[in-house]
């Protein structure tokens, strides 16, 4: 069986599908959403995450780095990410846990060993396994083997996807998926391209494809102030959702800043540093508006 890059496995998840679940986060995504709260998930390879506030200035990382990618500038230790080979030597040497490698290669067997430890909880709660990311469809061979392994153990499967993948990839995996959590960013093609780096044409085509083939789909819509919370976008969203068979549940997810500090830890700039979180009243108004389309709308989830 194949192997892939996993950046987290979260146990006892309650918001990634029905029941108690294990959520497996696969690394890599074809989109670059401005508001991404897991920027460490975007690139398909392992990455170095730095916590400057935890550094005790011992210098062990400098001594151990085989590429000499770490230097002292008189105040802090600076890592040259162009030189860094992401080998993890410095993270092993760091006794303060100021350095962490995000993402590790795992085989299907290793992932399933972890997943199967909680079968009792899945059975009792009607739960199962959710594959998220990043974008899990980006590692299609790995995802397909994982889904087949889950089905061999009669586990309920969920794929949390933005739909940015080829129709061929989607057709290969969908027979093994019980529920799709489908992220919709913006209905406007130009705006979608601006804030994610890609057109929404493929995203919308794949959503319609899933609905037409009778798959269970829950729409997940991040509510980003001044990006997709305007009435025109919400009206188009409601109209589309109402037109699709098997799609009546819409989860609206308020933008939050919990991932903002990760950009510094990855030595990247935050695309939306000034954006504020929507208020509870704003979210309630959006919920009420979308419910006029005959949809079951939940805040969060």
C-alpha atoms as a PDB file:
ATOM      1  CA  UNK A   1       0.000   0.000   0.000  1.00  0.00           C
ATOM      2  CA  UNK A   2       0.982   3.638  -0.462  1.00  0.00           C
ATOM      3  CA  UNK A   3       2.321   6.154   2.012  1.00  0.00           C
ATOM      4  CA  UNK A   4       1.694   9.873   2.379  1.00  0.00           C
ATOM      5  CA  UNK A   5       2.396  12.965   4.431  1.00  0.00           C
ATOM      6  CA  UNK A   6       0.203  13.389   7.517  1.00  0.00           C
ATOM      7  CA  UNK A   7       0.441  16.517   9.656  1.00  0.00           C
ATOM      8  CA  UNK A   8      -1.947  15.550  12.449  1.00  0.00           C
ATOM      9  CA  UNK A   9      -4.245  12.816  13.702  1.00  0.00           C
ATOM     10  CA  UNK A  10      -6.910  14.160  16.023  1.00  0.00           C
ATOM     11  CA  UNK A  11      -8.811  11.796  18.280  1.00  0.00           C
ATOM     12  CA  UNK A  12     -12.353  12.239  19.624  1.00  0.00           C
ATOM     13  CA  UNK A  13     -13.345  14.823  17.006  1.00  0.00           C
ATOM     14  CA  UNK A  14     -16.963  15.922  17.337  1.00  0.00           C
ATOM     15  CA  UNK A  15     -17.317  18.447  14.506  1.00  0.00           C
ATOM     16  CA  UNK A  16     -15.989  16.540  11.483  1.00  0.00           C
ATOM     17  CA  UNK A  17     -18.978  14.335  10.798  1.00  0.00           C
ATOM     18  CA  UNK A  18     -21.422  12.252  12.857  1.00  0.00           C
ATOM     19  CA  UNK A  19     -20.483  10.691  16.187  1.00  0.00           C
ATOM     20  CA  UNK A  20     -17.036  10.427  17.712  1.00  0.00           C
ATOM     21  CA  UNK A  21     -14.392  10.413  15.011  1.00  0.00           C
ATOM     22  CA  UNK A  22     -10.699  10.265  14.326  1.00  0.00           C
ATOM     23  CA  UNK A  23      -9.683  13.016  11.906  1.00  0.00           C
ATOM     24  CA  UNK A  24      -6.606  12.392   9.782  1.00  0.00           C
ATOM     25  CA  UNK A  25      -5.119  15.577   8.344  1.00  0.00           C
ATOM     26  CA  UNK A  26      -3.226  15.123   5.081  1.00  0.00           C
ATOM     27  CA  UNK A  27      -0.687  17.738   4.061  1.00  0.00           C
ATOM     28  CA  UNK A  28      -0.903  19.792   0.875  1.00  0.00           C
ATOM     29  CA  UNK A  29      -3.561  21.981  -0.747  1.00  0.00           C
ATOM     30  CA  UNK A  30      -4.005  23.487  -4.198  1.00  0.00           C
ATOM     31  CA  UNK A  31      -5.637  26.639  -2.788  1.00  0.00           C
ATOM     32  CA  UNK A  32      -4.092  29.479  -0.804  1.00  0.00           C
ATOM     33  CA  UNK A  33      -7.059  30.939   1.043  1.00  0.00           C
ATOM     34  CA  UNK A  34      -6.246  34.241   2.713  1.00  0.00           C
ATOM     35  CA  UNK A  35      -7.945  33.172   5.951  1.00  0.00           C
ATOM     36  CA  UNK A  36      -6.466  29.666   6.205  1.00  0.00           C
ATOM     37  CA  UNK A  37      -6.162  28.791   9.888  1.00  0.00           C
ATOM     38  CA  UNK A  38      -3.853  25.858   9.152  1.00  0.00           C
ATOM     39  CA  UNK A  39      -1.206  27.418   6.867  1.00  0.00           C
ATOM     40  CA  UNK A  40       1.147  24.619   7.876  1.00  0.00           C
ATOM     41  CA  UNK A  41      -1.145  22.286   5.908  1.00  0.00           C
ATOM     42  CA  UNK A  42      -0.733  24.024   2.544  1.00  0.00           C
ATOM     43  CA  UNK A  43       2.600  22.742   1.270  1.00  0.00           C
ATOM     44  CA  UNK A  44       2.789  19.005   0.539  1.00  0.00           C
ATOM     45  CA  UNK A  45       6.155  18.443   2.236  1.00  0.00           C
ATOM     46  CA  UNK A  46       7.163  18.509   5.921  1.00  0.00           C
ATOM     47  CA  UNK A  47       7.897  22.009   7.241  1.00  0.00           C
ATOM     48  CA  UNK A  48       9.704  23.568  10.166  1.00  0.00           C
ATOM     49  CA  UNK A  49       7.541  25.396  12.701  1.00  0.00           C
ATOM     50  CA  UNK A  50       9.361  27.817  15.013  1.00  0.00           C
ATOM     51  CA  UNK A  51       8.264  29.032  18.447  1.00  0.00           C
ATOM     52  CA  UNK A  52      10.619  31.926  19.181  1.00  0.00           C
ATOM     53  CA  UNK A  53       9.015  32.591  22.551  1.00  0.00           C
ATOM     54  CA  UNK A  54       9.981  29.101  23.751  1.00  0.00           C
ATOM     55  CA  UNK A  55      13.655  29.328  22.693  1.00  0.00           C
ATOM     56  CA  UNK A  56      16.075  29.253  25.653  1.00  0.00           C
ATOM     57  CA  UNK A  57      19.062  30.354  23.513  1.00  0.00           C
ATOM     58  CA  UNK A  58      21.053  27.200  24.217  1.00  0.00           C
ATOM     59  CA  UNK A  59      22.464  27.005  20.674  1.00  0.00           C
ATOM     60  CA  UNK A  60      22.054  23.234  20.324  1.00  0.00           C
ATOM     61  CA  UNK A  61      20.233  23.697  17.021  1.00  0.00           C
ATOM     62  CA  UNK A  62      23.191  25.602  15.543  1.00  0.00           C
ATOM     63  CA  UNK A  63      25.623  22.894  16.564  1.00  0.00           C
ATOM     64  CA  UNK A  64      23.524  20.026  15.243  1.00  0.00           C
ATOM     65  CA  UNK A  65      22.218  21.460  11.947  1.00  0.00           C
ATOM     66  CA  UNK A  66      24.044  19.544   9.163  1.00  0.00           C
ATOM     67  CA  UNK A  67      23.294  22.286   6.589  1.00  0.00           C
ATOM     68  CA  UNK A  68      24.494  25.189   8.780  1.00  0.00           C
ATOM     69  CA  UNK A  69      21.113  26.797   8.104  1.00  0.00           C
ATOM     70  CA  UNK A  70      20.852  28.361  11.589  1.00  0.00           C
ATOM     71  CA  UNK A  71      22.841  31.423  12.663  1.00  0.00           C
ATOM     72  CA  UNK A  72      22.909  33.800  15.631  1.00  0.00           C
ATOM     73  CA  UNK A  73      22.268  37.468  14.771  1.00  0.00           C
ATOM     74  CA  UNK A  74      23.098  38.811  18.219  1.00  0.00           C
ATOM     75  CA  UNK A  75      19.507  38.625  19.435  1.00  0.00           C
ATOM     76  CA  UNK A  76      17.885  35.515  18.014  1.00  0.00           C
ATOM     77  CA  UNK A  77      18.647  32.346  16.130  1.00  0.00           C
ATOM     78  CA  UNK A  78      17.719  32.770  12.469  1.00  0.00           C
ATOM     79  CA  UNK A  79      16.858  29.844  10.219  1.00  0.00           C
ATOM     80  CA  UNK A  80      17.512  30.168   6.493  1.00  0.00           C
ATOM     81  CA  UNK A  81      14.611  28.203   5.032  1.00  0.00           C
ATOM     82  CA  UNK A  82      16.247  28.156   1.589  1.00  0.00           C
ATOM     83  CA  UNK A  83      19.139  26.151   3.014  1.00  0.00           C
ATOM     84  CA  UNK A  84      17.109  24.104   5.511  1.00  0.00           C
ATOM     85  CA  UNK A  85      16.656  20.509   4.323  1.00  0.00           C
ATOM     86  CA  UNK A  86      13.768  19.860   6.748  1.00  0.00           C
ATOM     87  CA  UNK A  87      15.642  16.880   8.125  1.00  0.00           C
ATOM     88  CA  UNK A  88      14.416  17.360  11.695  1.00  0.00           C
ATOM     89  CA  UNK A  89      17.867  17.245  13.280  1.00  0.00           C
ATOM     90  CA  UNK A  90      17.395  20.619  14.975  1.00  0.00           C
ATOM     91  CA  UNK A  91      13.989  19.648  16.356  1.00  0.00           C
ATOM     92  CA  UNK A  92      15.466  16.545  17.966  1.00  0.00           C
ATOM     93  CA  UNK A  93      18.219  18.680  19.529  1.00  0.00           C
ATOM     94  CA  UNK A  94      15.820  21.343  20.876  1.00  0.00           C
ATOM     95  CA  UNK A  95      15.075  20.536  24.518  1.00  0.00           C
ATOM     96  CA  UNK A  96      12.681  23.509  24.794  1.00  0.00           C
ATOM     97  CA  UNK A  97      10.365  22.317  21.975  1.00  0.00           C
ATOM     98  CA  UNK A  98      10.880  25.631  20.198  1.00  0.00           C
ATOM     99  CA  UNK A  99      11.252  23.744  16.904  1.00  0.00           C
ATOM    100  CA  UNK A 100       8.786  21.291  15.429  1.00  0.00           C
ATOM    101  CA  UNK A 101       8.566  19.409  12.162  1.00  0.00           C
ATOM    102  CA  UNK A 102       5.020  19.549  10.827  1.00  0.00           C
ATOM    103  CA  UNK A 103       4.202  16.594   8.625  1.00  0.00           C
ATOM    104  CA  UNK A 104       5.618  13.084   8.593  1.00  0.00           C
ATOM    105  CA  UNK A 105       5.485  10.250   6.143  1.00  0.00           C
ATOM    106  CA  UNK A 106       3.175   7.463   7.241  1.00  0.00           C
ATOM    107  CA  UNK A 107       2.072   4.234   5.614  1.00  0.00           C
ATOM    108  CA  UNK A 108      -1.555   3.183   5.357  1.00  0.00           C
ATOM    109  CA  UNK A 109      -0.842   0.509   7.961  1.00  0.00           C
ATOM    110  CA  UNK A 110       0.542   3.060  10.424  1.00  0.00           C
ATOM    111  CA  UNK A 111      -2.476   5.327  10.049  1.00  0.00           C
ATOM    112  CA  UNK A 112      -4.906   2.444  10.377  1.00  0.00           C
ATOM    113  CA  UNK A 113      -3.137   1.138  13.497  1.00  0.00           C
ATOM    114  CA  UNK A 114      -3.899   4.499  15.072  1.00  0.00           C
ATOM    115  CA  UNK A 115      -7.459   4.671  13.733  1.00  0.00           C
ATOM    116  CA  UNK A 116      -8.477   1.185  14.814  1.00  0.00           C
ATOM    117  CA  UNK A 117      -7.628   1.794  18.470  1.00  0.00           C
ATOM    118  CA  UNK A 118     -10.905   3.679  18.842  1.00  0.00           C
ATOM    119  CA  UNK A 119     -13.319   1.360  17.026  1.00  0.00           C
ATOM    120  CA  UNK A 120     -15.351   0.937  20.211  1.00  0.00           C
ATOM    121  CA  UNK A 121     -16.055   4.688  20.328  1.00  0.00           C
ATOM    122  CA  UNK A 122     -17.057   4.739  16.659  1.00  0.00           C
ATOM    123  CA  UNK A 123     -19.451   1.845  17.147  1.00  0.00           C
ATOM    124  CA  UNK A 124     -21.085   3.320  20.244  1.00  0.00           C
ATOM    125  CA  UNK A 125     -21.522   6.835  18.814  1.00  0.00           C
ATOM    126  CA  UNK A 126     -22.143   6.193  15.123  1.00  0.00           C
ATOM    127  CA  UNK A 127     -18.782   7.772  14.342  1.00  0.00           C
ATOM    128  CA  UNK A 128     -15.861   6.827  12.159  1.00  0.00           C
ATOM    129  CA  UNK A 129     -12.922   8.355  10.314  1.00  0.00           C
ATOM    130  CA  UNK A 130     -12.652  11.749   8.636  1.00  0.00           C
ATOM    131  CA  UNK A 131      -9.938  12.694   6.164  1.00  0.00           C
ATOM    132  CA  UNK A 132      -9.169  16.394   6.077  1.00  0.00           C
ATOM    133  CA  UNK A 133      -6.256  18.664   5.294  1.00  0.00           C
ATOM    134  CA  UNK A 134      -4.982  20.643   3.626  1.00  0.00           C
ATOM    135  CA  UNK A 135      -6.863  19.061   0.781  1.00  0.00           C
ATOM    136  CA  UNK A 136      -7.000  15.255   1.108  1.00  0.00           C
ATOM    137  CA  UNK A 137      -7.759  14.757  -2.597  1.00  0.00           C
ATOM    138  CA  UNK A 138      -4.291  16.133  -3.385  1.00  0.00           C
ATOM    139  CA  UNK A 139      -2.778  12.874  -2.083  1.00  0.00           C
ATOM    140  CA  UNK A 140      -5.255  10.814  -4.056  1.00  0.00           C
ATOM    141  CA  UNK A 141      -3.455   7.436  -4.088  1.00  0.00           C
ATOM    142  CA  UNK A 142      -2.823   7.582  -0.354  1.00  0.00           C
ATOM    143  CA  UNK A 143      -6.377   8.710   0.358  1.00  0.00           C
ATOM    144  CA  UNK A 144      -7.848   5.977  -1.839  1.00  0.00           C
ATOM    145  CA  UNK A 145      -5.870   3.266  -0.038  1.00  0.00           C
ATOM    146  CA  UNK A 146      -6.888   4.700   3.343  1.00  0.00           C
ATOM    147  CA  UNK A 147     -10.553   4.751   2.362  1.00  0.00           C
ATOM    148  CA  UNK A 148     -10.393   1.170   1.108  1.00  0.00           C
ATOM    149  CA  UNK A 149      -8.737   0.100   4.352  1.00  0.00           C
ATOM    150  CA  UNK A 150     -11.479   1.806   6.356  1.00  0.00           C
ATOM    151  CA  UNK A 151     -14.159   0.057   4.338  1.00  0.00           C
ATOM    152  CA  UNK A 152     -12.404  -3.284   4.872  1.00  0.00           C
ATOM    153  CA  UNK A 153     -13.060  -2.668   8.587  1.00  0.00           C
ATOM    154  CA  UNK A 154     -16.623  -1.404   7.960  1.00  0.00           C
ATOM    155  CA  UNK A 155     -15.815   2.105   9.199  1.00  0.00           C
ATOM    156  CA  UNK A 156     -17.935   5.151   8.352  1.00  0.00           C
ATOM    157  CA  UNK A 157     -15.891   7.545   6.192  1.00  0.00           C
ATOM    158  CA  UNK A 158     -16.008  11.301   5.688  1.00  0.00           C
ATOM    159  CA  UNK A 159     -13.887  13.403   3.344  1.00  0.00           C
ATOM    160  CA  UNK A 160     -13.589  17.114   4.121  1.00  0.00           C
ATOM    161  CA  UNK A 161     -12.706  18.726   0.797  1.00  0.00           C
ATOM    162  CA  UNK A 162     -12.647  22.053  -1.025  1.00  0.00           C
ATOM    163  CA  UNK A 163     -13.416  20.160  -4.245  1.00  0.00           C
ATOM    164  CA  UNK A 164     -10.334  21.441  -6.047  1.00  0.00           C
ATOM    165  CA  UNK A 165      -9.369  18.192  -7.779  1.00  0.00           C
ATOM    166  CA  UNK A 166      -9.932  16.514 -11.114  1.00  0.00           C
ATOM    167  CA  UNK A 167     -13.197  14.749 -11.838  1.00  0.00           C
ATOM    168  CA  UNK A 168     -11.171  11.566 -12.351  1.00  0.00           C
ATOM    169  CA  UNK A 169      -9.747  11.800  -8.829  1.00  0.00           C
ATOM    170  CA  UNK A 170     -13.189  12.418  -7.377  1.00  0.00           C
ATOM    171  CA  UNK A 171     -14.678   9.466  -9.270  1.00  0.00           C
ATOM    172  CA  UNK A 172     -12.010   7.141  -7.909  1.00  0.00           C
ATOM    173  CA  UNK A 173     -12.567   7.980  -4.254  1.00  0.00           C
ATOM    174  CA  UNK A 174     -16.289   8.715  -4.031  1.00  0.00           C
ATOM    175  CA  UNK A 175     -17.481   5.059  -3.950  1.00  0.00           C
ATOM    176  CA  UNK A 176     -15.676   4.696  -0.608  1.00  0.00           C
ATOM    177  CA  UNK A 177     -16.989   7.899   1.009  1.00  0.00           C
ATOM    178  CA  UNK A 178     -20.153   7.943   3.130  1.00  0.00           C
ATOM    179  CA  UNK A 179     -20.303  11.714   3.560  1.00  0.00           C
ATOM    180  CA  UNK A 180     -18.599  14.710   1.976  1.00  0.00           C
ATOM    181  CA  UNK A 181     -18.029  17.884   3.965  1.00  0.00           C
ATOM    182  CA  UNK A 182     -17.723  20.305   1.071  1.00  0.00           C
ATOM    183  CA  UNK A 183     -16.132  23.724   1.557  1.00  0.00           C
ATOM    184  CA  UNK A 184     -17.453  26.633  -0.519  1.00  0.00           C
ATOM    185  CA  UNK A 185     -15.440  29.842  -0.346  1.00  0.00           C
ATOM    186  CA  UNK A 186     -17.103  32.239  -2.792  1.00  0.00           C
ATOM    187  CA  UNK A 187     -19.683  31.979  -5.548  1.00  0.00           C
ATOM    188  CA  UNK A 188     -18.041  34.754  -7.572  1.00  0.00           C
ATOM    189  CA  UNK A 189     -15.317  33.375  -9.863  1.00  0.00           C
ATOM    190  CA  UNK A 190     -13.235  36.536  -9.896  1.00  0.00           C
ATOM    191  CA  UNK A 191     -13.401  36.936  -6.139  1.00  0.00           C
ATOM    192  CA  UNK A 192     -12.642  33.252  -5.581  1.00  0.00           C
ATOM    193  CA  UNK A 193      -9.559  33.502  -7.757  1.00  0.00           C
ATOM    194  CA  UNK A 194      -8.419  36.610  -5.871  1.00  0.00           C
ATOM    195  CA  UNK A 195      -8.744  35.180  -2.359  1.00  0.00           C
ATOM    196  CA  UNK A 196      -7.775  31.536  -2.980  1.00  0.00           C
ATOM    197  CA  UNK A 197      -5.465  31.715  -5.993  1.00  0.00           C
ATOM    198  CA  UNK A 198      -7.708  29.574  -8.201  1.00  0.00           C
ATOM    199  CA  UNK A 199     -11.007  29.644 -10.080  1.00  0.00           C
ATOM    200  CA  UNK A 200     -14.115  28.152  -8.461  1.00  0.00           C
ATOM    201  CA  UNK A 201     -15.268  26.527 -11.736  1.00  0.00           C
ATOM    202  CA  UNK A 202     -13.845  23.100 -10.868  1.00  0.00           C
ATOM    203  CA  UNK A 203     -15.112  23.391  -7.290  1.00  0.00           C
ATOM    204  CA  UNK A 204     -18.683  24.014  -8.443  1.00  0.00           C
ATOM    205  CA  UNK A 205     -18.527  21.333 -11.135  1.00  0.00           C
ATOM    206  CA  UNK A 206     -17.405  18.712  -8.632  1.00  0.00           C
ATOM    207  CA  UNK A 207     -20.080  19.718  -6.128  1.00  0.00           C
ATOM    208  CA  UNK A 208     -22.774  19.276  -8.766  1.00  0.00           C
ATOM    209  CA  UNK A 209     -21.176  15.980  -9.786  1.00  0.00           C
ATOM    210  CA  UNK A 210     -21.395  14.604  -6.264  1.00  0.00           C
ATOM    211  CA  UNK A 211     -25.001  15.732  -5.866  1.00  0.00           C
ATOM    212  CA  UNK A 212     -26.040  14.266  -9.212  1.00  0.00           C
ATOM    213  CA  UNK A 213     -24.559  10.895  -8.219  1.00  0.00           C
ATOM    214  CA  UNK A 214     -26.574  10.862  -5.012  1.00  0.00           C
ATOM    215  CA  UNK A 215     -23.794  11.392  -2.494  1.00  0.00           C
ATOM    216  CA  UNK A 216     -24.550  12.813   0.926  1.00  0.00           C
ATOM    217  CA  UNK A 217     -23.046  16.307   1.093  1.00  0.00           C
ATOM    218  CA  UNK A 218     -22.890  18.900   3.859  1.00  0.00           C
ATOM    219  CA  UNK A 219     -21.846  22.342   2.668  1.00  0.00           C
ATOM    220  CA  UNK A 220     -19.351  24.188   4.840  1.00  0.00           C
ATOM    221  CA  UNK A 221     -19.053  27.909   4.255  1.00  0.00           C
ATOM    222  CA  UNK A 222     -16.436  29.992   6.079  1.00  0.00           C
ATOM    223  CA  UNK A 223     -17.886  33.443   6.698  1.00  0.00           C
ATOM    224  CA  UNK A 224     -15.116  35.934   5.991  1.00  0.00           C
ATOM    225  CA  UNK A 225     -15.946  39.624   6.537  1.00  0.00           C
ATOM    226  CA  UNK A 226     -15.703  41.710   3.348  1.00  0.00           C
ATOM    227  CA  UNK A 227     -14.888  38.587   1.318  1.00  0.00           C
ATOM    228  CA  UNK A 228     -18.016  36.424   1.067  1.00  0.00           C
ATOM    229  CA  UNK A 229     -20.531  37.777   3.602  1.00  0.00           C
ATOM    230  CA  UNK A 230     -22.362  40.106   1.194  1.00  0.00           C
ATOM    231  CA  UNK A 231     -26.004  39.488   0.309  1.00  0.00           C
ATOM    232  CA  UNK A 232     -25.341  38.752  -3.363  1.00  0.00           C
ATOM    233  CA  UNK A 233     -22.874  35.970  -2.589  1.00  0.00           C
ATOM    234  CA  UNK A 234     -25.168  34.498   0.068  1.00  0.00           C
ATOM    235  CA  UNK A 235     -28.144  34.589  -2.293  1.00  0.00           C
ATOM    236  CA  UNK A 236     -26.201  32.724  -4.974  1.00  0.00           C
ATOM    237  CA  UNK A 237     -25.084  30.212  -2.367  1.00  0.00           C
ATOM    238  CA  UNK A 238     -28.624  29.616  -1.135  1.00  0.00           C
ATOM    239  CA  UNK A 239     -29.949  29.259  -4.673  1.00  0.00           C
ATOM    240  CA  UNK A 240     -27.268  26.730  -5.585  1.00  0.00           C
ATOM    241  CA  UNK A 241     -27.692  24.676  -2.422  1.00  0.00           C
ATOM    242  CA  UNK A 242     -31.465  24.532  -2.863  1.00  0.00           C
ATOM    243  CA  UNK A 243     -31.039  23.274  -6.445  1.00  0.00           C
ATOM    244  CA  UNK A 244     -28.816  20.331  -5.529  1.00  0.00           C
ATOM    245  CA  UNK A 245     -30.290  16.943  -4.611  1.00  0.00           C
ATOM    246  CA  UNK A 246     -29.080  15.505  -1.293  1.00  0.00           C
ATOM    247  CA  UNK A 247     -27.802  18.908  -0.129  1.00  0.00           C
ATOM    248  CA  UNK A 248     -29.942  20.555   2.525  1.00  0.00           C
ATOM    249  CA  UNK A 249     -27.476  21.006   5.381  1.00  0.00           C
ATOM    250  CA  UNK A 250     -25.274  24.099   5.370  1.00  0.00           C
ATOM    251  CA  UNK A 251     -22.764  24.818   8.132  1.00  0.00           C
ATOM    252  CA  UNK A 252     -21.569  28.417   8.316  1.00  0.00           C
ATOM    253  CA  UNK A 253     -18.211  28.788  10.038  1.00  0.00           C
ATOM    254  CA  UNK A 254     -17.254  32.183  11.492  1.00  0.00           C
ATOM    255  CA  UNK A 255     -13.781  33.422  10.645  1.00  0.00           C
ATOM    256  CA  UNK A 256     -11.402  33.282  13.598  1.00  0.00           C
ATOM    257  CA  UNK A 257      -7.834  34.356  14.272  1.00  0.00           C
ATOM    258  CA  UNK A 258      -6.679  31.223  16.058  1.00  0.00           C
ATOM    259  CA  UNK A 259      -4.194  30.384  13.300  1.00  0.00           C
ATOM    260  CA  UNK A 260      -2.738  33.878  12.899  1.00  0.00           C
ATOM    261  CA  UNK A 261       0.409  33.216  14.937  1.00  0.00           C
ATOM    262  CA  UNK A 262       1.270  30.228  12.760  1.00  0.00           C
ATOM    263  CA  UNK A 263       2.291  32.524   9.903  1.00  0.00           C
ATOM    264  CA  UNK A 264       5.111  33.957  12.001  1.00  0.00           C
ATOM    265  CA  UNK A 265       6.176  30.463  13.006  1.00  0.00           C
ATOM    266  CA  UNK A 266       6.399  29.521   9.329  1.00  0.00           C
ATOM    267  CA  UNK A 267       8.217  32.779   8.421  1.00  0.00           C
ATOM    268  CA  UNK A 268       5.302  33.872   6.222  1.00  0.00           C
ATOM    269  CA  UNK A 269       3.193  37.019   6.177  1.00  0.00           C
ATOM    270  CA  UNK A 270      -0.448  36.838   7.266  1.00  0.00           C
ATOM    271  CA  UNK A 271      -2.672  37.882   4.298  1.00  0.00           C
ATOM    272  CA  UNK A 272      -5.477  39.130   6.588  1.00  0.00           C
ATOM    273  CA  UNK A 273      -3.930  40.617   9.744  1.00  0.00           C
ATOM    274  CA  UNK A 274      -6.601  43.298  10.207  1.00  0.00           C
ATOM    275  CA  UNK A 275      -9.726  41.219   9.555  1.00  0.00           C
ATOM    276  CA  UNK A 276     -12.055  41.002  12.536  1.00  0.00           C
ATOM    277  CA  UNK A 277     -14.174  38.025  13.490  1.00  0.00           C
ATOM    278  CA  UNK A 278     -17.890  38.311  12.627  1.00  0.00           C
ATOM    279  CA  UNK A 279     -20.173  38.987  15.568  1.00  0.00           C
ATOM    280  CA  UNK A 280     -22.771  36.560  16.878  1.00  0.00           C
ATOM    281  CA  UNK A 281     -25.502  38.882  15.551  1.00  0.00           C
ATOM    282  CA  UNK A 282     -23.948  38.880  12.077  1.00  0.00           C
ATOM    283  CA  UNK A 283     -23.764  35.088  12.032  1.00  0.00           C
ATOM    284  CA  UNK A 284     -27.367  34.812  13.235  1.00  0.00           C
ATOM    285  CA  UNK A 285     -28.518  37.152  10.447  1.00  0.00           C
ATOM    286  CA  UNK A 286     -26.682  35.095   7.801  1.00  0.00           C
ATOM    287  CA  UNK A 287     -28.198  31.911   9.207  1.00  0.00           C
ATOM    288  CA  UNK A 288     -31.687  33.393   9.053  1.00  0.00           C
ATOM    289  CA  UNK A 289     -31.162  34.603   5.475  1.00  0.00           C
ATOM    290  CA  UNK A 290     -29.982  31.202   4.210  1.00  0.00           C
ATOM    291  CA  UNK A 291     -32.871  29.453   5.938  1.00  0.00           C
ATOM    292  CA  UNK A 292     -35.265  31.338   3.640  1.00  0.00           C
ATOM    293  CA  UNK A 293     -34.015  29.001   0.876  1.00  0.00           C
ATOM    294  CA  UNK A 294     -35.388  25.971   2.717  1.00  0.00           C
ATOM    295  CA  UNK A 295     -31.979  24.925   4.040  1.00  0.00           C
ATOM    296  CA  UNK A 296     -31.047  23.538   7.417  1.00  0.00           C
ATOM    297  CA  UNK A 297     -28.357  25.974   8.566  1.00  0.00           C
ATOM    298  CA  UNK A 298     -26.047  25.514  11.537  1.00  0.00           C
ATOM    299  CA  UNK A 299     -23.478  27.940  12.915  1.00  0.00           C
ATOM    300  CA  UNK A 300     -20.288  25.936  13.361  1.00  0.00           C
ATOM    301  CA  UNK A 301     -19.965  22.197  12.887  1.00  0.00           C
END
